[in-house]
C-alpha atoms as a PDB file:
ATOM      1  CA  UNK A   1       5.531  50.425 -10.820  1.00  0.00           C
ATOM      2  CA  UNK A   2       3.222  47.257 -10.390  1.00  0.00           C
ATOM      3  CA  UNK A   3       3.124  44.634 -13.490  1.00  0.00           C
ATOM      4  CA  UNK A   4       6.665  45.878 -14.252  1.00  0.00           C
ATOM      5  CA  UNK A   5       9.367  43.282 -14.154  1.00  0.00           C
ATOM      6  CA  UNK A   6      10.784  42.598 -10.791  1.00  0.00           C
ATOM      7  CA  UNK A   7      14.943  43.099 -10.263  1.00  0.00           C
ATOM      8  CA  UNK A   8      16.847  40.761  -7.419  1.00  0.00           C
ATOM      9  CA  UNK A   9      18.243  43.301  -5.244  1.00  0.00           C
ATOM     10  CA  UNK A  10      20.976  42.058  -2.612  1.00  0.00           C
ATOM     11  CA  UNK A  11      21.069  43.423   0.838  1.00  0.00           C
ATOM     12  CA  UNK A  12      23.591  42.837   3.948  1.00  0.00           C
ATOM     13  CA  UNK A  13      22.213  40.204   6.114  1.00  0.00           C
ATOM     14  CA  UNK A  14      20.920  41.317   9.562  1.00  0.00           C
ATOM     15  CA  UNK A  15      19.044  39.268  12.214  1.00  0.00           C
ATOM     16  CA  UNK A  16      16.176  42.187  12.308  1.00  0.00           C
ATOM     17  CA  UNK A  17      16.112  43.108   8.720  1.00  0.00           C
ATOM     18  CA  UNK A  18      13.403  44.663   7.588  1.00  0.00           C
ATOM     19  CA  UNK A  19      12.305  45.872   3.825  1.00  0.00           C
ATOM     20  CA  UNK A  20      12.957  49.186   2.774  1.00  0.00           C
ATOM     21  CA  UNK A  21      10.041  51.539   2.339  1.00  0.00           C
ATOM     22  CA  UNK A  22      11.228  52.664  -0.893  1.00  0.00           C
ATOM     23  CA  UNK A  23      11.214  48.852  -2.234  1.00  0.00           C
ATOM     24  CA  UNK A  24       7.591  48.546  -1.515  1.00  0.00           C
ATOM     25  CA  UNK A  25       7.229  51.593  -3.718  1.00  0.00           C
ATOM     26  CA  UNK A  26       8.967  50.172  -6.445  1.00  0.00           C
ATOM     27  CA  UNK A  27       7.814  46.508  -5.974  1.00  0.00           C
ATOM     28  CA  UNK A  28      11.151  44.863  -6.632  1.00  0.00           C
ATOM     29  CA  UNK A  29      12.245  41.718  -5.714  1.00  0.00           C
ATOM     30  CA  UNK A  30      14.837  40.987  -2.749  1.00  0.00           C
ATOM     31  CA  UNK A  31      16.320  38.721  -0.818  1.00  0.00           C
ATOM     32  CA  UNK A  32      14.727  37.216   2.725  1.00  0.00           C
ATOM     33  CA  UNK A  33      16.325  37.212   5.606  1.00  0.00           C
ATOM     34  CA  UNK A  34      15.309  35.715   8.543  1.00  0.00           C
ATOM     35  CA  UNK A  35      16.702  33.840  11.803  1.00  0.00           C
ATOM     36  CA  UNK A  36      18.669  30.709   9.759  1.00  0.00           C
ATOM     37  CA  UNK A  37      17.180  28.248  12.237  1.00  0.00           C
ATOM     38  CA  UNK A  38      13.723  29.034  11.717  1.00  0.00           C
ATOM     39  CA  UNK A  39      14.457  29.410   8.059  1.00  0.00           C
ATOM     40  CA  UNK A  40      15.367  26.656   7.120  1.00  0.00           C
ATOM     41  CA  UNK A  41      12.858  24.064   9.418  1.00  0.00           C
ATOM     42  CA  UNK A  42      10.407  26.515   8.107  1.00  0.00           C
ATOM     43  CA  UNK A  43      11.586  25.981   4.560  1.00  0.00           C
ATOM     44  CA  UNK A  44      12.289  22.263   5.357  1.00  0.00           C
ATOM     45  CA  UNK A  45       8.309  21.257   6.388  1.00  0.00           C
ATOM     46  CA  UNK A  46       6.925  23.186   2.778  1.00  0.00           C
ATOM     47  CA  UNK A  47       9.306  21.619   0.576  1.00  0.00           C
ATOM     48  CA  UNK A  48       8.495  18.296   2.473  1.00  0.00           C
ATOM     49  CA  UNK A  49       5.618  18.539   0.975  1.00  0.00           C
ATOM     50  CA  UNK A  50       6.286  19.220  -2.904  1.00  0.00           C
ATOM     51  CA  UNK A  51       6.504  15.742  -4.872  1.00  0.00           C
ATOM     52  CA  UNK A  52      10.321  16.716  -5.652  1.00  0.00           C
ATOM     53  CA  UNK A  53      11.398  15.366  -2.070  1.00  0.00           C
ATOM     54  CA  UNK A  54       8.351  12.849  -1.823  1.00  0.00           C
ATOM     55  CA  UNK A  55       9.993  10.056   0.530  1.00  0.00           C
ATOM     56  CA  UNK A  56      12.782  12.372   2.316  1.00  0.00           C
ATOM     57  CA  UNK A  57      12.796  13.081   6.360  1.00  0.00           C
ATOM     58  CA  UNK A  58      12.347  16.763   7.217  1.00  0.00           C
ATOM     59  CA  UNK A  59      16.221  16.561   8.913  1.00  0.00           C
ATOM     60  CA  UNK A  60      17.277  14.883   6.047  1.00  0.00           C
ATOM     61  CA  UNK A  61      15.648  17.705   3.606  1.00  0.00           C
ATOM     62  CA  UNK A  62      17.605  20.043   5.598  1.00  0.00           C
ATOM     63  CA  UNK A  63      20.624  18.311   5.241  1.00  0.00           C
ATOM     64  CA  UNK A  64      20.265  18.387   1.319  1.00  0.00           C
ATOM     65  CA  UNK A  65      18.488  22.317   1.661  1.00  0.00           C
ATOM     66  CA  UNK A  66      22.221  23.663   3.442  1.00  0.00           C
ATOM     67  CA  UNK A  67      24.126  26.279   2.073  1.00  0.00           C
ATOM     68  CA  UNK A  68      21.862  25.424  -1.673  1.00  0.00           C
ATOM     69  CA  UNK A  69      19.671  27.525  -2.046  1.00  0.00           C
ATOM     70  CA  UNK A  70      18.082  31.341  -1.516  1.00  0.00           C
ATOM     71  CA  UNK A  71      15.085  33.267  -0.832  1.00  0.00           C
ATOM     72  CA  UNK A  72      13.921  35.637  -3.195  1.00  0.00           C
ATOM     73  CA  UNK A  73      10.785  37.763  -2.261  1.00  0.00           C
ATOM     74  CA  UNK A  74       8.515  39.902  -4.358  1.00  0.00           C
ATOM     75  CA  UNK A  75       5.280  41.709  -4.092  1.00  0.00           C
ATOM     76  CA  UNK A  76       2.453  41.124  -5.146  1.00  0.00           C
ATOM     77  CA  UNK A  77       1.655  42.421  -9.034  1.00  0.00           C
ATOM     78  CA  UNK A  78       5.107  41.642  -9.815  1.00  0.00           C
ATOM     79  CA  UNK A  79       6.404  40.212 -13.144  1.00  0.00           C
ATOM     80  CA  UNK A  80       8.471  37.068 -11.588  1.00  0.00           C
ATOM     81  CA  UNK A  81       9.485  36.287 -15.308  1.00  0.00           C
ATOM     82  CA  UNK A  82       8.465  37.171 -18.512  1.00  0.00           C
ATOM     83  CA  UNK A  83       8.096  34.474 -21.700  1.00  0.00           C
ATOM     84  CA  UNK A  84      11.795  34.080 -23.269  1.00  0.00           C
ATOM     85  CA  UNK A  85      13.760  35.017 -20.045  1.00  0.00           C
ATOM     86  CA  UNK A  86      16.498  32.669 -19.053  1.00  0.00           C
ATOM     87  CA  UNK A  87      15.344  29.900 -16.738  1.00  0.00           C
ATOM     88  CA  UNK A  88      18.766  28.688 -15.062  1.00  0.00           C
ATOM     89  CA  UNK A  89      17.315  27.994 -11.384  1.00  0.00           C
ATOM     90  CA  UNK A  90      14.793  25.794  -9.321  1.00  0.00           C
ATOM     91  CA  UNK A  91      12.186  27.716  -8.169  1.00  0.00           C
ATOM     92  CA  UNK A  92       9.988  26.519  -5.185  1.00  0.00           C
ATOM     93  CA  UNK A  93       7.398  28.509  -4.444  1.00  0.00           C
ATOM     94  CA  UNK A  94       7.542  28.877  -0.445  1.00  0.00           C
ATOM     95  CA  UNK A  95       4.690  31.377   0.065  1.00  0.00           C
ATOM     96  CA  UNK A  96       2.234  32.817  -2.563  1.00  0.00           C
ATOM     97  CA  UNK A  97       1.034  32.678  -5.613  1.00  0.00           C
ATOM     98  CA  UNK A  98       1.239  33.159  -9.182  1.00  0.00           C
ATOM     99  CA  UNK A  99      -0.244  32.941 -12.357  1.00  0.00           C
ATOM    100  CA  UNK A 100       1.069  31.920 -15.834  1.00  0.00           C
ATOM    101  CA  UNK A 101       0.356  33.417 -19.006  1.00  0.00           C
ATOM    102  CA  UNK A 102       1.157  32.416 -22.645  1.00  0.00           C
ATOM    103  CA  UNK A 103       0.628  35.555 -25.233  1.00  0.00           C
ATOM    104  CA  UNK A 104       0.560  34.922 -29.012  1.00  0.00           C
ATOM    105  CA  UNK A 105       2.253  37.058 -31.616  1.00  0.00           C
ATOM    106  CA  UNK A 106      -1.122  38.838 -32.122  1.00  0.00           C
ATOM    107  CA  UNK A 107      -1.828  39.279 -28.374  1.00  0.00           C
ATOM    108  CA  UNK A 108      -4.205  37.184 -27.340  1.00  0.00           C
ATOM    109  CA  UNK A 109      -3.460  36.560 -23.696  1.00  0.00           C
ATOM    110  CA  UNK A 110      -4.342  32.310 -22.100  1.00  0.00           C
ATOM    111  CA  UNK A 111      -3.699  31.425 -18.589  1.00  0.00           C
ATOM    112  CA  UNK A 112      -2.213  28.149 -18.458  1.00  0.00           C
ATOM    113  CA  UNK A 113      -2.192  27.682 -14.761  1.00  0.00           C
ATOM    114  CA  UNK A 114      -2.363  29.276 -10.935  1.00  0.00           C
ATOM    115  CA  UNK A 115       0.255  27.604  -8.702  1.00  0.00           C
ATOM    116  CA  UNK A 116       0.642  27.718  -5.049  1.00  0.00           C
ATOM    117  CA  UNK A 117       3.093  26.445  -2.807  1.00  0.00           C
ATOM    118  CA  UNK A 118       5.052  23.954  -2.965  1.00  0.00           C
ATOM    119  CA  UNK A 119       5.322  23.693  -6.814  1.00  0.00           C
ATOM    120  CA  UNK A 120       7.907  24.572  -9.351  1.00  0.00           C
ATOM    121  CA  UNK A 121       8.001  27.039 -12.178  1.00  0.00           C
ATOM    122  CA  UNK A 122       8.880  25.801 -15.208  1.00  0.00           C
ATOM    123  CA  UNK A 123      10.706  22.823 -14.050  1.00  0.00           C
ATOM    124  CA  UNK A 124      10.555  20.797 -17.609  1.00  0.00           C
ATOM    125  CA  UNK A 125      12.637  23.872 -18.960  1.00  0.00           C
ATOM    126  CA  UNK A 126      15.402  23.808 -16.595  1.00  0.00           C
ATOM    127  CA  UNK A 127      18.224  21.054 -18.693  1.00  0.00           C
ATOM    128  CA  UNK A 128      16.321  22.122 -21.931  1.00  0.00           C
ATOM    129  CA  UNK A 129      18.670  23.404 -25.178  1.00  0.00           C
ATOM    130  CA  UNK A 130      16.458  26.249 -25.314  1.00  0.00           C
ATOM    131  CA  UNK A 131      16.241  26.818 -21.614  1.00  0.00           C
ATOM    132  CA  UNK A 132      13.968  29.837 -21.377  1.00  0.00           C
ATOM    133  CA  UNK A 133      10.393  30.431 -19.826  1.00  0.00           C
ATOM    134  CA  UNK A 134       7.712  29.699 -22.327  1.00  0.00           C
ATOM    135  CA  UNK A 135       5.506  31.877 -20.042  1.00  0.00           C
ATOM    136  CA  UNK A 136       4.809  34.929 -18.620  1.00  0.00           C
ATOM    137  CA  UNK A 137       4.708  34.677 -14.777  1.00  0.00           C
ATOM    138  CA  UNK A 138       3.174  36.869 -12.491  1.00  0.00           C
ATOM    139  CA  UNK A 139       2.594  37.761  -8.462  1.00  0.00           C
ATOM    140  CA  UNK A 140      -1.283  37.366  -7.946  1.00  0.00           C
ATOM    141  CA  UNK A 141       0.397  37.741  -3.667  1.00  0.00           C
ATOM    142  CA  UNK A 142       3.005  38.163  -1.890  1.00  0.00           C
ATOM    143  CA  UNK A 143       5.520  35.775  -2.845  1.00  0.00           C
ATOM    144  CA  UNK A 144       8.548  33.961  -1.811  1.00  0.00           C
ATOM    145  CA  UNK A 145      10.522  31.628  -3.619  1.00  0.00           C
ATOM    146  CA  UNK A 146      13.329  28.928  -2.490  1.00  0.00           C
ATOM    147  CA  UNK A 147      16.089  29.182  -5.752  1.00  0.00           C
ATOM    148  CA  UNK A 148      18.419  26.884  -6.269  1.00  0.00           C
ATOM    149  CA  UNK A 149      20.776  27.445  -8.836  1.00  0.00           C
ATOM    150  CA  UNK A 150      20.947  25.017 -11.938  1.00  0.00           C
ATOM    151  CA  UNK A 151      24.888  23.661 -10.897  1.00  0.00           C
ATOM    152  CA  UNK A 152      23.656  23.334  -7.301  1.00  0.00           C
ATOM    153  CA  UNK A 153      20.728  20.974  -8.333  1.00  0.00           C
ATOM    154  CA  UNK A 154      22.733  18.955 -10.431  1.00  0.00           C
ATOM    155  CA  UNK A 155      24.733  17.878  -7.785  1.00  0.00           C
ATOM    156  CA  UNK A 156      21.872  17.602  -5.764  1.00  0.00           C
ATOM    157  CA  UNK A 157      20.345  15.357  -8.514  1.00  0.00           C
ATOM    158  CA  UNK A 158      23.506  12.654  -8.703  1.00  0.00           C
ATOM    159  CA  UNK A 159      24.021  12.713  -4.809  1.00  0.00           C
ATOM    160  CA  UNK A 160      20.321  11.913  -4.588  1.00  0.00           C
ATOM    161  CA  UNK A 161      18.959   8.961  -6.647  1.00  0.00           C
ATOM    162  CA  UNK A 162      15.588   9.701  -4.779  1.00  0.00           C
ATOM    163  CA  UNK A 163      15.335  13.683  -5.641  1.00  0.00           C
ATOM    164  CA  UNK A 164      16.607  12.324  -9.098  1.00  0.00           C
ATOM    165  CA  UNK A 165      13.427   9.775  -9.839  1.00  0.00           C
ATOM    166  CA  UNK A 166      11.676  12.399  -7.870  1.00  0.00           C
ATOM    167  CA  UNK A 167      12.215  15.082 -10.850  1.00  0.00           C
ATOM    168  CA  UNK A 168      12.014  12.949 -13.519  1.00  0.00           C
ATOM    169  CA  UNK A 169       8.318  12.049 -12.579  1.00  0.00           C
ATOM    170  CA  UNK A 170       7.523  14.997 -12.203  1.00  0.00           C
ATOM    171  CA  UNK A 171       8.837  16.579 -15.729  1.00  0.00           C
ATOM    172  CA  UNK A 172       6.635  13.340 -16.870  1.00  0.00           C
ATOM    173  CA  UNK A 173       3.536  14.607 -15.398  1.00  0.00           C
ATOM    174  CA  UNK A 174       4.288  18.002 -16.003  1.00  0.00           C
ATOM    175  CA  UNK A 175       4.164  16.593 -19.985  1.00  0.00           C
ATOM    176  CA  UNK A 176       0.461  14.878 -19.876  1.00  0.00           C
ATOM    177  CA  UNK A 177      -0.876  18.504 -18.026  1.00  0.00           C
ATOM    178  CA  UNK A 178       0.394  19.940 -20.602  1.00  0.00           C
ATOM    179  CA  UNK A 179      -0.629  17.724 -23.572  1.00  0.00           C
ATOM    180  CA  UNK A 180      -4.243  17.717 -21.875  1.00  0.00           C
ATOM    181  CA  UNK A 181      -4.295  21.918 -21.639  1.00  0.00           C
ATOM    182  CA  UNK A 182      -3.446  21.705 -25.680  1.00  0.00           C
ATOM    183  CA  UNK A 183      -6.057  19.546 -26.390  1.00  0.00           C
ATOM    184  CA  UNK A 184      -8.585  21.337 -24.050  1.00  0.00           C
ATOM    185  CA  UNK A 185      -7.783  24.591 -25.744  1.00  0.00           C
ATOM    186  CA  UNK A 186      -7.659  23.270 -29.264  1.00  0.00           C
ATOM    187  CA  UNK A 187     -10.586  20.772 -29.464  1.00  0.00           C
ATOM    188  CA  UNK A 188     -13.387  21.490 -27.177  1.00  0.00           C
ATOM    189  CA  UNK A 189     -16.088  24.161 -27.797  1.00  0.00           C
ATOM    190  CA  UNK A 190     -16.685  27.064 -25.590  1.00  0.00           C
ATOM    191  CA  UNK A 191     -19.533  25.377 -23.402  1.00  0.00           C
ATOM    192  CA  UNK A 192     -17.394  21.523 -23.572  1.00  0.00           C
ATOM    193  CA  UNK A 193     -14.234  23.739 -21.571  1.00  0.00           C
ATOM    194  CA  UNK A 194     -17.048  25.341 -19.382  1.00  0.00           C
ATOM    195  CA  UNK A 195     -18.289  22.452 -18.431  1.00  0.00           C
ATOM    196  CA  UNK A 196     -15.188  20.723 -17.767  1.00  0.00           C
ATOM    197  CA  UNK A 197     -14.308  23.482 -15.320  1.00  0.00           C
ATOM    198  CA  UNK A 198     -17.711  23.503 -13.885  1.00  0.00           C
ATOM    199  CA  UNK A 199     -17.465  19.487 -13.316  1.00  0.00           C
ATOM    200  CA  UNK A 200     -14.090  19.849 -11.619  1.00  0.00           C
ATOM    201  CA  UNK A 201     -15.000  22.570  -9.407  1.00  0.00           C
ATOM    202  CA  UNK A 202     -18.347  20.462  -8.559  1.00  0.00           C
ATOM    203  CA  UNK A 203     -15.777  17.746  -7.685  1.00  0.00           C
ATOM    204  CA  UNK A 204     -13.861  19.665  -4.960  1.00  0.00           C
ATOM    205  CA  UNK A 205     -16.762  20.532  -2.717  1.00  0.00           C
ATOM    206  CA  UNK A 206     -19.324  18.200  -0.671  1.00  0.00           C
ATOM    207  CA  UNK A 207     -22.900  19.403  -2.694  1.00  0.00           C
ATOM    208  CA  UNK A 208     -24.113  20.940  -5.827  1.00  0.00           C
ATOM    209  CA  UNK A 209     -22.622  24.755  -5.122  1.00  0.00           C
ATOM    210  CA  UNK A 210     -19.570  26.389  -5.720  1.00  0.00           C
ATOM    211  CA  UNK A 211     -17.924  30.035  -6.052  1.00  0.00           C
ATOM    212  CA  UNK A 212     -15.845  30.999  -8.990  1.00  0.00           C
ATOM    213  CA  UNK A 213     -12.855  32.254  -6.983  1.00  0.00           C
ATOM    214  CA  UNK A 214     -12.151  33.969 -10.277  1.00  0.00           C
ATOM    215  CA  UNK A 215     -13.696  36.819 -12.632  1.00  0.00           C
ATOM    216  CA  UNK A 216     -15.098  36.083 -15.830  1.00  0.00           C
ATOM    217  CA  UNK A 217     -12.144  37.859 -17.609  1.00  0.00           C
ATOM    218  CA  UNK A 218      -9.650  35.804 -15.552  1.00  0.00           C
ATOM    219  CA  UNK A 219     -11.643  32.669 -16.885  1.00  0.00           C
ATOM    220  CA  UNK A 220     -12.078  34.081 -20.472  1.00  0.00           C
ATOM    221  CA  UNK A 221      -8.276  34.383 -20.198  1.00  0.00           C
ATOM    222  CA  UNK A 222      -7.915  30.782 -18.947  1.00  0.00           C
ATOM    223  CA  UNK A 223     -10.111  29.261 -21.592  1.00  0.00           C
ATOM    224  CA  UNK A 224      -8.297  31.897 -24.677  1.00  0.00           C
ATOM    225  CA  UNK A 225     -11.807  33.463 -25.687  1.00  0.00           C
ATOM    226  CA  UNK A 226     -13.549  36.899 -25.396  1.00  0.00           C
ATOM    227  CA  UNK A 227     -15.251  37.894 -22.016  1.00  0.00           C
ATOM    228  CA  UNK A 228     -18.610  38.251 -24.455  1.00  0.00           C
ATOM    229  CA  UNK A 229     -18.126  34.970 -25.478  1.00  0.00           C
ATOM    230  CA  UNK A 230     -17.584  32.938 -22.120  1.00  0.00           C
ATOM    231  CA  UNK A 231     -20.479  35.504 -20.628  1.00  0.00           C
ATOM    232  CA  UNK A 232     -22.959  34.294 -23.747  1.00  0.00           C
ATOM    233  CA  UNK A 233     -21.930  30.396 -23.082  1.00  0.00           C
ATOM    234  CA  UNK A 234     -22.756  30.766 -19.397  1.00  0.00           C
ATOM    235  CA  UNK A 235     -26.436  32.530 -20.189  1.00  0.00           C
ATOM    236  CA  UNK A 236     -27.017  29.522 -22.681  1.00  0.00           C
ATOM    237  CA  UNK A 237     -25.920  26.916 -19.964  1.00  0.00           C
ATOM    238  CA  UNK A 238     -28.748  28.781 -17.891  1.00  0.00           C
ATOM    239  CA  UNK A 239     -30.818  28.607 -20.207  1.00  0.00           C
ATOM    240  CA  UNK A 240     -30.950  25.260 -20.696  1.00  0.00           C
ATOM    241  CA  UNK A 241     -31.565  24.307 -16.982  1.00  0.00           C
ATOM    242  CA  UNK A 242     -28.091  22.970 -16.209  1.00  0.00           C
ATOM    243  CA  UNK A 243     -26.330  25.595 -13.972  1.00  0.00           C
ATOM    244  CA  UNK A 244     -28.123  28.452 -11.816  1.00  0.00           C
ATOM    245  CA  UNK A 245     -25.994  32.026 -11.433  1.00  0.00           C
ATOM    246  CA  UNK A 246     -25.970  34.474  -8.523  1.00  0.00           C
ATOM    247  CA  UNK A 247     -22.758  36.833  -8.514  1.00  0.00           C
ATOM    248  CA  UNK A 248     -20.302  34.282  -8.120  1.00  0.00           C
ATOM    249  CA  UNK A 249     -22.307  31.355  -6.677  1.00  0.00           C
ATOM    250  CA  UNK A 250     -22.980  28.605  -9.082  1.00  0.00           C
ATOM    251  CA  UNK A 251     -25.310  25.574  -8.621  1.00  0.00           C
ATOM    252  CA  UNK A 252     -26.136  22.927 -10.320  1.00  0.00           C
ATOM    253  CA  UNK A 253     -28.981  21.696 -11.558  1.00  0.00           C
ATOM    254  CA  UNK A 254     -28.942  19.484 -13.803  1.00  0.00           C
ATOM    255  CA  UNK A 255     -25.488  17.424 -12.896  1.00  0.00           C
ATOM    256  CA  UNK A 256     -25.685  14.609 -15.597  1.00  0.00           C
ATOM    257  CA  UNK A 257     -26.071  17.004 -18.521  1.00  0.00           C
ATOM    258  CA  UNK A 258     -23.208  18.959 -17.153  1.00  0.00           C
ATOM    259  CA  UNK A 259     -20.886  15.995 -17.236  1.00  0.00           C
ATOM    260  CA  UNK A 260     -22.194  14.724 -20.809  1.00  0.00           C
ATOM    261  CA  UNK A 261     -21.343  18.113 -22.056  1.00  0.00           C
ATOM    262  CA  UNK A 262     -17.797  17.780 -20.498  1.00  0.00           C
ATOM    263  CA  UNK A 263     -17.100  14.255 -21.948  1.00  0.00           C
ATOM    264  CA  UNK A 264     -18.394  15.704 -25.659  1.00  0.00           C
ATOM    265  CA  UNK A 265     -16.434  15.146 -28.638  1.00  0.00           C
ATOM    266  CA  UNK A 266     -15.658  17.895 -30.527  1.00  0.00           C
END
């Protein structure tokens, strides 16, 4: 049932809770259970790295979270949320990776972002008048989320001004990101998009080589184009002497030309 939407299933909390085989086969979400002390310690360490809790000490964060959250787990391939589903809780990734995709009425798929711990799923939509997920969210690995209901999160924001300011900053930053993403998708040529992606990858490594971790189909989805169009653009950049590609390894031959292509208007 991989790829089907997960449903939350509740189990009695026991110290030695084990995931049932039937649940593993069905790939449904389930509440995670473990030692409370170990759970709080681990969660405080992970969430402390989130911009939402910036400026808080670990012990203070443990006190804030105590009794205000639950852990929900998904298997690789599960649909965490569908575009249009209600978004009524704060959902932070504790472990794993998700991909957010948007599908237009014609069925065209565009990958918006890939998120890892301690990213938050659609924080800007929790308090929206139309509080629905704007994208499909799929677990790319086994996934653990910390979920805080909107009412509990509202009280948390009212009681802790630092968290409130951090949350407002996060929403503003996400608005900037989405604005740039729209501009990237709408106003750039295929080669400009690809060059921008390569420049970003190049900045993350010390040399001139990097690995393309995503498949060509995944990249095509990210850019909102077909796979043949992407392959054609890569081939043209190779022919122009800008990059060299060997399987998934990309070598930047002409960094200046690559950056100029990325910065080019239109």
